[in-house]
């Protein structure tokens, strides 16, 4: 694993994001009582690893107070 903080952070967030998506899909499978074929189809559609990539940018988002004019 890389020692670059952004790479490490990105990998961690991607893993958490994927795990969270997996839990949502599991809940949907139970809620809708999907059969094996339906489960496979839903997992293939919503749990593709490449869909959960995280990239950091150098852009800084400034937070402006709404009371500042």
PDB file of N, CA and C in Angstrom:
ATOM      1  N   UNK A   1       0.842  -1.178   0.000  1.00  0.00           N
ATOM      2  CA  UNK A   1       0.000   0.000   0.000  1.00  0.00           C
ATOM      3  C   UNK A   1       0.885   1.239   0.000  1.00  0.00           C
ATOM      4  N   UNK A   2       0.421   2.268  -0.659  1.00  0.00           N
ATOM      5  CA  UNK A   2       1.173   3.509  -0.786  1.00  0.00           C
ATOM      6  C   UNK A   2       1.246   4.248   0.545  1.00  0.00           C
ATOM      7  N   UNK A   3       2.327   5.006   0.704  1.00  0.00           N
ATOM      8  CA  UNK A   3       2.447   5.813   1.918  1.00  0.00           C
ATOM      9  C   UNK A   3       1.938   7.228   1.676  1.00  0.00           C
ATOM     10  N   UNK A   4       1.481   7.509   0.461  1.00  0.00           N
ATOM     11  CA  UNK A   4       0.907   8.807   0.135  1.00  0.00           C
ATOM     12  C   UNK A   4      -0.423   8.946   0.880  1.00  0.00           C
ATOM     13  N   UNK A   5      -0.561   9.984   1.720  1.00  0.00           N
ATOM     14  CA  UNK A   5      -1.795  10.125   2.512  1.00  0.00           C
ATOM     15  C   UNK A   5      -3.066  10.165   1.667  1.00  0.00           C
ATOM     16  N   UNK A   6      -2.999  10.789   0.499  1.00  0.00           N
ATOM     17  CA  UNK A   6      -4.189  10.842  -0.354  1.00  0.00           C
ATOM     18  C   UNK A   6      -4.552   9.459  -0.877  1.00  0.00           C
ATOM     19  N   UNK A   7      -3.549   8.674  -1.248  1.00  0.00           N
ATOM     20  CA  UNK A   7      -3.816   7.320  -1.746  1.00  0.00           C
ATOM     21  C   UNK A   7      -4.400   6.446  -0.648  1.00  0.00           C
ATOM     22  N   UNK A   8      -3.834   6.562   0.539  1.00  0.00           N
ATOM     23  CA  UNK A   8      -4.327   5.786   1.678  1.00  0.00           C
ATOM     24  C   UNK A   8      -5.751   6.215   2.023  1.00  0.00           C
ATOM     25  N   UNK A   9      -5.977   7.520   2.082  1.00  0.00           N
ATOM     26  CA  UNK A   9      -7.309   8.037   2.389  1.00  0.00           C
ATOM     27  C   UNK A   9      -8.327   7.641   1.341  1.00  0.00           C
ATOM     28  N   UNK A  10      -7.922   7.733   0.085  1.00  0.00           N
ATOM     29  CA  UNK A  10      -8.807   7.363  -1.009  1.00  0.00           C
ATOM     30  C   UNK A  10      -9.195   5.889  -0.924  1.00  0.00           C
ATOM     31  N   UNK A  11      -8.218   5.025  -0.670  1.00  0.00           N
ATOM     32  CA  UNK A  11      -8.495   3.588  -0.554  1.00  0.00           C
ATOM     33  C   UNK A  11      -9.430   3.305   0.620  1.00  0.00           C
ATOM     34  N   UNK A  12      -9.225   3.991   1.723  1.00  0.00           N
ATOM     35  CA  UNK A  12     -10.077   3.803   2.899  1.00  0.00           C
ATOM     36  C   UNK A  12     -11.509   4.239   2.608  1.00  0.00           C
ATOM     37  N   UNK A  13     -11.657   5.415   2.019  1.00  0.00           N
ATOM     38  CA  UNK A  13     -12.998   5.927   1.730  1.00  0.00           C
ATOM     39  C   UNK A  13     -13.701   5.043   0.702  1.00  0.00           C
ATOM     40  N   UNK A  14     -12.964   4.587  -0.317  1.00  0.00           N
ATOM     41  CA  UNK A  14     -13.556   3.692  -1.312  1.00  0.00           C
ATOM     42  C   UNK A  14     -14.059   2.408  -0.664  1.00  0.00           C
ATOM     43  N   UNK A  15     -13.278   1.862   0.244  1.00  0.00           N
ATOM     44  CA  UNK A  15     -13.671   0.631   0.930  1.00  0.00           C
ATOM     45  C   UNK A  15     -14.914   0.858   1.782  1.00  0.00           C
ATOM     46  N   UNK A  16     -14.944   1.965   2.514  1.00  0.00           N
ATOM     47  CA  UNK A  16     -16.109   2.283   3.343  1.00  0.00           C
ATOM     48  C   UNK A  16     -17.343   2.532   2.481  1.00  0.00           C
ATOM     49  N   UNK A  17     -17.165   3.265   1.390  1.00  0.00           N
ATOM     50  CA  UNK A  17     -18.263   3.593   0.487  1.00  0.00           C
ATOM     51  C   UNK A  17     -18.849   2.315  -0.107  1.00  0.00           C
ATOM     52  N   UNK A  18     -17.971   1.394  -0.539  1.00  0.00           N
ATOM     53  CA  UNK A  18     -18.412   0.119  -1.105  1.00  0.00           C
ATOM     54  C   UNK A  18     -19.125  -0.719  -0.038  1.00  0.00           C
ATOM     55  N   UNK A  19     -18.574  -0.756   1.164  1.00  0.00           N
ATOM     56  CA  UNK A  19     -19.188  -1.531   2.250  1.00  0.00           C
ATOM     57  C   UNK A  19     -20.577  -0.987   2.583  1.00  0.00           C
ATOM     58  N   UNK A  20     -20.717   0.331   2.578  1.00  0.00           N
ATOM     59  CA  UNK A  20     -22.010   0.954   2.854  1.00  0.00           C
ATOM     60  C   UNK A  20     -23.010   0.599   1.745  1.00  0.00           C
ATOM     61  N   UNK A  21     -22.570   0.675   0.493  1.00  0.00           N
ATOM     62  CA  UNK A  21     -23.439   0.314  -0.631  1.00  0.00           C
ATOM     63  C   UNK A  21     -23.859  -1.150  -0.532  1.00  0.00           C
ATOM     64  N   UNK A  22     -22.940  -1.998  -0.129  1.00  0.00           N
ATOM     65  CA  UNK A  22     -23.230  -3.422   0.021  1.00  0.00           C
ATOM     66  C   UNK A  22     -24.311  -3.644   1.081  1.00  0.00           C
ATOM     67  N   UNK A  23     -24.235  -2.903   2.170  1.00  0.00           N
ATOM     68  CA  UNK A  23     -25.252  -3.031   3.225  1.00  0.00           C
ATOM     69  C   UNK A  23     -26.618  -2.570   2.731  1.00  0.00           C
ATOM     70  N   UNK A  24     -26.636  -1.531   1.915  1.00  0.00           N
ATOM     71  CA  UNK A  24     -27.902  -1.045   1.356  1.00  0.00           C
ATOM     72  C   UNK A  24     -28.504  -2.100   0.431  1.00  0.00           C
ATOM     73  N   UNK A  25     -27.669  -2.695  -0.416  1.00  0.00           N
ATOM     74  CA  UNK A  25     -28.150  -3.744  -1.320  1.00  0.00           C
ATOM     75  C   UNK A  25     -28.656  -4.939  -0.512  1.00  0.00           C
ATOM     76  N   UNK A  26     -27.932  -5.328   0.521  1.00  0.00           N
ATOM     77  CA  UNK A  26     -28.387  -6.434   1.379  1.00  0.00           C
ATOM     78  C   UNK A  26     -29.756  -6.134   1.983  1.00  0.00           C
ATOM     79  N   UNK A  27     -29.945  -4.903   2.432  1.00  0.00           N
ATOM     80  CA  UNK A  27     -31.229  -4.509   3.018  1.00  0.00           C
ATOM     81  C   UNK A  27     -32.338  -4.564   1.969  1.00  0.00           C
ATOM     82  N   UNK A  28     -32.046  -4.122   0.758  1.00  0.00           N
ATOM     83  CA  UNK A  28     -33.041  -4.163  -0.317  1.00  0.00           C
ATOM     84  C   UNK A  28     -33.399  -5.602  -0.676  1.00  0.00           C
ATOM     85  N   UNK A  29     -32.401  -6.474  -0.700  1.00  0.00           N
ATOM     86  CA  UNK A  29     -32.641  -7.894  -0.996  1.00  0.00           C
ATOM     87  C   UNK A  29     -33.603  -8.490   0.027  1.00  0.00           C
ATOM     88  N   UNK A  30     -33.379  -8.172   1.299  1.00  0.00           N
ATOM     89  CA  UNK A  30     -34.271  -8.686   2.352  1.00  0.00           C
ATOM     90  C   UNK A  30     -35.655  -8.040   2.270  1.00  0.00           C
ATOM     91  N   UNK A  31     -35.681  -6.726   2.099  1.00  0.00           N
ATOM     92  CA  UNK A  31     -36.942  -5.991   2.082  1.00  0.00           C
ATOM     93  C   UNK A  31     -37.865  -6.462   0.959  1.00  0.00           C
ATOM     94  N   UNK A  32     -37.283  -6.672  -0.210  1.00  0.00           N
ATOM     95  CA  UNK A  32     -38.090  -7.052  -1.371  1.00  0.00           C
ATOM     96  C   UNK A  32     -38.112  -8.559  -1.619  1.00  0.00           C
ATOM     97  N   UNK A  33     -37.527  -9.330  -0.721  1.00  0.00           N
ATOM     98  CA  UNK A  33     -37.516 -10.799  -0.827  1.00  0.00           C
ATOM     99  C   UNK A  33     -37.123 -11.263  -2.232  1.00  0.00           C
ATOM    100  N   UNK A  34     -35.972 -10.787  -2.694  1.00  0.00           N
ATOM    101  CA  UNK A  34     -35.525 -11.115  -4.044  1.00  0.00           C
ATOM    102  C   UNK A  34     -35.036 -12.555  -4.127  1.00  0.00           C
ATOM    103  N   UNK A  35     -35.334 -13.205  -5.253  1.00  0.00           N
ATOM    104  CA  UNK A  35     -34.833 -14.563  -5.463  1.00  0.00           C
ATOM    105  C   UNK A  35     -33.362 -14.486  -5.892  1.00  0.00           C
ATOM    106  N   UNK A  36     -32.728 -15.643  -6.068  1.00  0.00           N
ATOM    107  CA  UNK A  36     -31.288 -15.671  -6.363  1.00  0.00           C
ATOM    108  C   UNK A  36     -30.932 -14.928  -7.644  1.00  0.00           C
ATOM    109  N   UNK A  37     -31.721 -15.109  -8.686  1.00  0.00           N
ATOM    110  CA  UNK A  37     -31.444 -14.423  -9.955  1.00  0.00           C
ATOM    111  C   UNK A  37     -31.574 -12.911  -9.801  1.00  0.00           C
ATOM    112  N   UNK A  38     -32.606 -12.476  -9.094  1.00  0.00           N
ATOM    113  CA  UNK A  38     -32.794 -11.047  -8.863  1.00  0.00           C
ATOM    114  C   UNK A  38     -31.664 -10.475  -8.012  1.00  0.00           C
ATOM    115  N   UNK A  39     -31.251 -11.228  -6.988  1.00  0.00           N
ATOM    116  CA  UNK A  39     -30.142 -10.779  -6.142  1.00  0.00           C
ATOM    117  C   UNK A  39     -28.875 -10.593  -6.961  1.00  0.00           C
ATOM    118  N   UNK A  40     -28.589 -11.571  -7.805  1.00  0.00           N
ATOM    119  CA  UNK A  40     -27.388 -11.500  -8.637  1.00  0.00           C
ATOM    120  C   UNK A  40     -27.439 -10.277  -9.549  1.00  0.00           C
ATOM    121  N   UNK A  41     -28.583 -10.043 -10.153  1.00  0.00           N
ATOM    122  CA  UNK A  41     -28.750  -8.908 -11.058  1.00  0.00           C
ATOM    123  C   UNK A  41     -28.569  -7.576 -10.321  1.00  0.00           C
ATOM    124  N   UNK A  42     -29.157  -7.470  -9.146  1.00  0.00           N
ATOM    125  CA  UNK A  42     -29.043  -6.238  -8.355  1.00  0.00           C
ATOM    126  C   UNK A  42     -27.600  -6.013  -7.915  1.00  0.00           C
ATOM    127  N   UNK A  43     -26.941  -7.053  -7.459  1.00  0.00           N
ATOM    128  CA  UNK A  43     -25.540  -6.927  -7.024  1.00  0.00           C
ATOM    129  C   UNK A  43     -24.628  -6.542  -8.188  1.00  0.00           C
ATOM    130  N   UNK A  44     -24.856  -7.152  -9.369  1.00  0.00           N
ATOM    131  CA  UNK A  44     -24.038  -6.814 -10.535  1.00  0.00           C
ATOM    132  C   UNK A  44     -24.253  -5.367 -10.964  1.00  0.00           C
ATOM    133  N   UNK A  45     -25.459  -4.881 -10.804  1.00  0.00           N
ATOM    134  CA  UNK A  45     -25.767  -3.508 -11.221  1.00  0.00           C
ATOM    135  C   UNK A  45     -25.244  -2.467 -10.236  1.00  0.00           C
ATOM    136  N   UNK A  46     -25.385  -2.717  -8.948  1.00  0.00           N
ATOM    137  CA  UNK A  46     -25.094  -1.687  -7.954  1.00  0.00           C
ATOM    138  C   UNK A  46     -23.791  -1.873  -7.183  1.00  0.00           C
ATOM    139  N   UNK A  47     -23.123  -2.995  -7.322  1.00  0.00           N
ATOM    140  CA  UNK A  47     -21.902  -3.220  -6.545  1.00  0.00           C
ATOM    141  C   UNK A  47     -20.681  -3.449  -7.434  1.00  0.00           C
ATOM    142  N   UNK A  48     -20.554  -2.627  -8.450  1.00  0.00           N
ATOM    143  CA  UNK A  48     -19.369  -2.690  -9.298  1.00  0.00           C
ATOM    144  C   UNK A  48     -18.285  -1.851  -8.636  1.00  0.00           C
ATOM    145  N   UNK A  49     -17.156  -2.459  -8.326  1.00  0.00           N
ATOM    146  CA  UNK A  49     -16.077  -1.795  -7.584  1.00  0.00           C
ATOM    147  C   UNK A  49     -15.655  -0.466  -8.199  1.00  0.00           C
ATOM    148  N   UNK A  50     -15.535  -0.410  -9.506  1.00  0.00           N
ATOM    149  CA  UNK A  50     -15.077   0.820 -10.149  1.00  0.00           C
ATOM    150  C   UNK A  50     -16.012   2.005  -9.964  1.00  0.00           C
ATOM    151  N   UNK A  51     -17.238   1.738  -9.582  1.00  0.00           N
ATOM    152  CA  UNK A  51     -18.210   2.818  -9.387  1.00  0.00           C
ATOM    153  C   UNK A  51     -18.015   3.564  -8.073  1.00  0.00           C
ATOM    154  N   UNK A  52     -17.151   3.070  -7.222  1.00  0.00           N
ATOM    155  CA  UNK A  52     -16.985   3.668  -5.897  1.00  0.00           C
ATOM    156  C   UNK A  52     -15.590   4.247  -5.698  1.00  0.00           C
ATOM    157  N   UNK A  53     -15.024   4.808  -6.771  1.00  0.00           N
ATOM    158  CA  UNK A  53     -13.696   5.403  -6.664  1.00  0.00           C
ATOM    159  C   UNK A  53     -13.803   6.807  -6.090  1.00  0.00           C
ATOM    160  N   UNK A  54     -12.768   7.206  -5.399  1.00  0.00           N
ATOM    161  CA  UNK A  54     -12.713   8.527  -4.777  1.00  0.00           C
ATOM    162  C   UNK A  54     -11.437   9.204  -5.237  1.00  0.00           C
ATOM    163  N   UNK A  55     -11.569  10.420  -5.733  1.00  0.00           N
ATOM    164  CA  UNK A  55     -10.403  11.180  -6.156  1.00  0.00           C
ATOM    165  C   UNK A  55     -10.383  12.498  -5.398  1.00  0.00           C
ATOM    166  N   UNK A  56      -9.209  12.858  -4.920  1.00  0.00           N
ATOM    167  CA  UNK A  56      -9.041  14.131  -4.241  1.00  0.00           C
ATOM    168  C   UNK A  56      -8.564  15.170  -5.245  1.00  0.00           C
ATOM    169  N   UNK A  57      -8.974  16.409  -5.058  1.00  0.00           N
ATOM    170  CA  UNK A  57      -8.493  17.502  -5.896  1.00  0.00           C
ATOM    171  C   UNK A  57      -7.808  18.522  -5.004  1.00  0.00           C
ATOM    172  N   UNK A  58      -7.108  19.437  -5.629  1.00  0.00           N
ATOM    173  CA  UNK A  58      -6.439  20.492  -4.879  1.00  0.00           C
ATOM    174  C   UNK A  58      -7.350  21.694  -4.671  1.00  0.00           C
ATOM    175  N   UNK A  59      -8.550  21.617  -5.205  1.00  0.00           N
ATOM    176  CA  UNK A  59      -9.491  22.717  -5.085  1.00  0.00           C
ATOM    177  C   UNK A  59      -9.904  22.887  -3.626  1.00  0.00           C
ATOM    178  N   UNK A  60      -9.896  24.112  -3.173  1.00  0.00           N
ATOM    179  CA  UNK A  60     -10.301  24.421  -1.805  1.00  0.00           C
ATOM    180  C   UNK A  60     -11.681  25.051  -1.864  1.00  0.00           C
ATOM    181  N   UNK A  61     -12.577  24.513  -1.098  1.00  0.00           N
ATOM    182  CA  UNK A  61     -13.930  25.064  -1.034  1.00  0.00           C
ATOM    183  C   UNK A  61     -13.987  26.018   0.144  1.00  0.00           C
ATOM    184  N   UNK A  62     -14.315  27.255  -0.159  1.00  0.00           N
ATOM    185  CA  UNK A  62     -14.382  28.251   0.905  1.00  0.00           C
ATOM    186  C   UNK A  62     -15.806  28.320   1.430  1.00  0.00           C
ATOM    187  N   UNK A  63     -15.905  28.370   2.733  1.00  0.00           N
ATOM    188  CA  UNK A  63     -17.197  28.418   3.391  1.00  0.00           C
ATOM    189  C   UNK A  63     -17.468  29.860   3.793  1.00  0.00           C
ATOM    190  N   UNK A  64     -18.459  30.470   3.170  1.00  0.00           N
ATOM    191  CA  UNK A  64     -18.776  31.866   3.466  1.00  0.00           C
ATOM    192  C   UNK A  64     -20.002  31.911   4.363  1.00  0.00           C
ATOM    193  N   UNK A  65     -19.904  32.690   5.407  1.00  0.00           N
ATOM    194  CA  UNK A  65     -21.020  32.850   6.329  1.00  0.00           C
ATOM    195  C   UNK A  65     -22.162  33.558   5.606  1.00  0.00           C
ATOM    196  N   UNK A  66     -23.386  33.093   5.775  1.00  0.00           N
ATOM    197  CA  UNK A  66     -24.527  33.691   5.086  1.00  0.00           C
ATOM    198  C   UNK A  66     -24.791  35.116   5.546  1.00  0.00           C
ATOM    199  N   UNK A  67     -24.269  35.493   6.696  1.00  0.00           N
ATOM    200  CA  UNK A  67     -24.492  36.841   7.203  1.00  0.00           C
ATOM    201  C   UNK A  67     -23.482  37.833   6.653  1.00  0.00           C
ATOM    202  N   UNK A  68     -22.419  37.349   6.004  1.00  0.00           N
ATOM    203  CA  UNK A  68     -21.435  38.245   5.397  1.00  0.00           C
ATOM    204  C   UNK A  68     -22.022  38.834   4.123  1.00  0.00           C
ATOM    205  N   UNK A  69     -21.877  40.133   3.958  1.00  0.00           N
ATOM    206  CA  UNK A  69     -22.380  40.763   2.733  1.00  0.00           C
ATOM    207  C   UNK A  69     -21.285  41.516   2.053  1.00  0.00           C
TER     208      UNK A  69
END
